[in-house]
């Protein structure tokens, strides 16, 4: 594999990881909305601020996805990542689909393992503070971490389909040297 192919693989894996990380970042904005109750001007301004910040973050993640996943060759050219290497080839006897599959399994596993302890902690807090008024936030955190666990599991179990999608997309761009 060439240096360019290595950078394409690395940048796409980074893009996938950032997008999955975005899925875990966006609900934290939604957690702040219940605190903005009321009809006074500060609550309305706060809600507008949170919603516009949320839209800005979502736009940023869409831009990152577009650049790192769909415009990988452009990123490599602009950052001149393949320059200043002594050798042009990296000897690696592994199929690209295997690399994608392993990367997707690792990303899904990190999501799964990141959500599991948080889920257990929130369940424990939920039963500890079941009569408290702030219990609704804990319950929404439980749901969020459960979704994160399920999503991580689905990523790990459907890694072949995701890897074939990435390979198909990369083949359309003609970015591989194999």
Protein backbone atom coordinates (compact mmCIF):
# COMPACT_ATOMS: atom_id res chain seq x y z
CA UNK A 1 0.00 0.00 0.00
CA UNK A 2 1.22 3.49 -0.71
CA UNK A 3 1.56 6.35 1.75
CA UNK A 4 -1.53 7.97 0.18
CA UNK A 5 -3.60 4.85 0.80
CA UNK A 6 -2.43 4.78 4.41
CA UNK A 7 -3.52 8.39 4.90
CA UNK A 8 -6.88 7.70 3.25
CA UNK A 9 -7.52 4.82 5.61
CA UNK A 10 -6.38 6.81 8.64
CA UNK A 11 -8.45 9.90 7.80
CA UNK A 12 -11.58 7.89 7.07
CA UNK A 13 -11.24 5.99 10.35
CA UNK A 14 -10.81 9.32 12.13
CA UNK A 15 -13.91 10.66 10.36
CA UNK A 16 -15.99 7.65 11.35
CA UNK A 17 -14.85 7.95 14.95
CA UNK A 18 -15.67 11.67 15.07
CA UNK A 19 -19.14 11.10 13.65
CA UNK A 20 -19.91 8.39 16.17
CA UNK A 21 -18.54 10.66 18.88
CA UNK A 22 -20.90 13.37 17.66
CA UNK A 23 -23.81 11.08 18.36
CA UNK A 24 -22.78 11.07 22.00
CA UNK A 25 -22.18 14.85 22.15
CA UNK A 26 -25.48 16.11 20.77
CA UNK A 27 -27.77 14.78 23.57
CA UNK A 28 -25.88 16.85 26.13
CA UNK A 29 -27.28 19.96 24.48
CA UNK A 30 -30.76 18.51 24.78
CA UNK A 31 -30.21 17.94 28.51
CA UNK A 32 -29.94 21.69 29.03
CA UNK A 33 -33.36 22.48 27.52
CA UNK A 34 -35.46 21.51 30.60
CA UNK A 35 -33.54 24.08 32.64
CA UNK A 36 -34.75 26.84 30.35
CA UNK A 37 -38.41 26.68 31.39
CA UNK A 38 -40.45 29.79 31.89
CA UNK A 39 -41.76 32.62 29.86
CA UNK A 40 -39.28 35.30 30.84
CA UNK A 41 -36.91 36.81 28.32
CA UNK A 42 -33.84 35.07 29.77
CA UNK A 43 -35.35 31.63 29.26
CA UNK A 44 -36.24 32.44 25.66
CA UNK A 45 -32.76 33.87 24.98
CA UNK A 46 -31.18 30.83 26.64
CA UNK A 47 -33.27 28.46 24.56
CA UNK A 48 -32.37 30.33 21.37
CA UNK A 49 -28.70 30.22 22.34
CA UNK A 50 -28.75 26.48 23.11
CA UNK A 51 -30.63 25.63 19.93
CA UNK A 52 -28.38 27.78 17.74
CA UNK A 53 -25.29 26.28 19.40
CA UNK A 54 -26.72 22.82 18.79
CA UNK A 55 -27.30 23.62 15.12
CA UNK A 56 -23.77 25.00 14.86
CA UNK A 57 -22.31 21.82 16.36
CA UNK A 58 -24.40 19.62 14.06
CA UNK A 59 -23.25 21.70 11.08
CA UNK A 60 -19.64 21.33 12.19
CA UNK A 61 -19.97 17.56 12.44
CA UNK A 62 -21.59 17.40 8.99
CA UNK A 63 -18.69 19.42 7.59
CA UNK A 64 -16.16 17.14 9.30
CA UNK A 65 -17.96 14.06 7.95
CA UNK A 66 -17.96 15.50 4.46
CA UNK A 67 -14.29 16.43 4.54
CA UNK A 68 -12.85 13.42 6.34
CA UNK A 69 -15.04 10.74 4.85
CA UNK A 70 -16.18 11.89 1.41
CA UNK A 71 -13.39 14.32 0.43
CA UNK A 72 -10.42 12.43 1.80
CA UNK A 73 -8.22 12.89 -1.25
CA UNK A 74 -8.79 16.66 -1.14
CA UNK A 75 -7.75 16.77 2.55
CA UNK A 76 -4.56 14.83 1.78
CA UNK A 77 -3.71 17.15 -1.09
CA UNK A 78 -4.37 20.34 0.88
CA UNK A 79 -2.45 19.20 3.97
CA UNK A 80 0.33 17.65 1.82
CA UNK A 81 0.35 14.55 3.99
CA UNK A 82 2.10 12.28 1.52
CA UNK A 83 5.14 14.50 1.08
CA UNK A 84 8.54 14.05 2.76
CA UNK A 85 8.44 10.26 3.07
CA UNK A 86 11.58 8.36 2.14
CA UNK A 87 9.70 5.36 0.82
CA UNK A 88 6.50 5.49 -1.19
CA UNK A 89 5.23 2.02 -0.19
CA UNK A 90 4.29 0.43 3.10
CA UNK A 91 4.48 -3.35 3.10
CA UNK A 92 1.23 -4.63 4.56
CA UNK A 93 -0.32 -7.91 3.53
CA UNK A 94 -3.84 -7.23 4.76
CA UNK A 95 -6.94 -6.58 2.69
CA UNK A 96 -8.47 -3.13 2.98
CA UNK A 97 -11.81 -4.63 3.91
CA UNK A 98 -10.14 -6.31 6.88
CA UNK A 99 -8.66 -3.00 8.02
CA UNK A 100 -12.07 -1.33 7.76
CA UNK A 101 -13.74 -4.18 9.62
CA UNK A 102 -11.23 -4.07 12.48
CA UNK A 103 -11.48 -0.27 12.73
CA UNK A 104 -15.28 -0.38 12.82
CA UNK A 105 -15.25 -3.11 15.47
CA UNK A 106 -12.87 -1.04 17.61
CA UNK A 107 -15.02 2.09 17.26
CA UNK A 108 -18.20 0.16 18.09
CA UNK A 109 -16.46 -1.52 21.00
CA UNK A 110 -15.32 1.82 22.38
CA UNK A 111 -18.90 3.11 22.18
CA UNK A 112 -20.23 -0.04 23.82
CA UNK A 113 -17.62 -0.06 26.57
CA UNK A 114 -17.94 3.69 27.10
CA UNK A 115 -21.70 3.47 27.58
CA UNK A 116 -21.80 0.38 29.78
CA UNK A 117 -20.22 1.81 32.96
CA UNK A 118 -22.18 5.04 32.59
CA UNK A 119 -25.38 3.04 32.18
CA UNK A 120 -24.67 1.03 35.33
CA UNK A 121 -23.81 4.21 37.26
CA UNK A 122 -27.00 5.95 36.17
CA UNK A 123 -29.13 2.91 37.07
CA UNK A 124 -27.55 2.92 40.52
CA UNK A 125 -28.21 6.68 40.90
CA UNK A 126 -31.76 6.26 39.64
CA UNK A 127 -32.61 3.74 42.35
CA UNK A 128 -30.76 5.74 44.97
CA UNK A 129 -32.61 8.97 44.20
CA UNK A 130 -35.95 7.67 42.94
CA UNK A 131 -37.99 10.15 45.00
CA UNK A 132 -35.97 13.24 44.06
CA UNK A 133 -37.34 15.77 41.54
CA UNK A 134 -34.17 15.65 39.40
CA UNK A 135 -34.79 11.98 38.70
CA UNK A 136 -36.05 12.78 35.19
CA UNK A 137 -32.57 13.88 34.11
CA UNK A 138 -31.10 10.66 35.43
CA UNK A 139 -33.75 8.68 33.57
CA UNK A 140 -32.96 10.47 30.31
CA UNK A 141 -29.27 9.76 30.89
CA UNK A 142 -30.13 6.08 31.37
CA UNK A 143 -32.00 6.06 28.06
CA UNK A 144 -29.15 7.85 26.31
CA UNK A 145 -26.52 5.41 27.61
CA UNK A 146 -28.73 2.45 26.73
CA UNK A 147 -29.01 3.79 23.17
CA UNK A 148 -25.24 4.26 23.10
CA UNK A 149 -24.72 0.63 24.18
CA UNK A 150 -27.19 -0.65 21.60
CA UNK A 151 -25.66 1.52 18.88
CA UNK A 152 -22.15 0.29 19.74
CA UNK A 153 -23.37 -3.30 19.64
CA UNK A 154 -25.06 -2.77 16.27
CA UNK A 155 -21.90 -1.19 14.87
CA UNK A 156 -19.84 -4.19 15.98
CA UNK A 157 -22.28 -6.76 14.64
CA UNK A 158 -22.83 -5.00 11.29
CA UNK A 159 -19.19 -4.17 10.67
CA UNK A 160 -19.03 -6.13 7.39
CA UNK A 161 -21.87 -4.10 5.86
CA UNK A 162 -20.29 -0.84 6.95
CA UNK A 163 -16.88 -1.93 5.64
CA UNK A 164 -18.36 -2.82 2.26
CA UNK A 165 -20.08 0.59 2.12
CA UNK A 166 -16.78 2.34 2.83
CA UNK A 167 -14.96 0.21 0.24
CA UNK A 168 -17.65 0.93 -2.33
CA UNK A 169 -17.49 4.68 -1.62
CA UNK A 170 -13.69 4.69 -1.80
CA UNK A 171 -13.71 2.72 -5.04
CA UNK A 172 -15.93 5.41 -6.60
CA UNK A 173 -13.32 8.02 -5.68
CA UNK A 174 -10.52 5.90 -7.22
CA UNK A 175 -8.26 6.54 -4.25
CA UNK A 176 -6.71 3.14 -3.72
CA UNK A 177 -3.61 1.95 -5.48
CA UNK A 178 -4.42 -1.72 -5.32
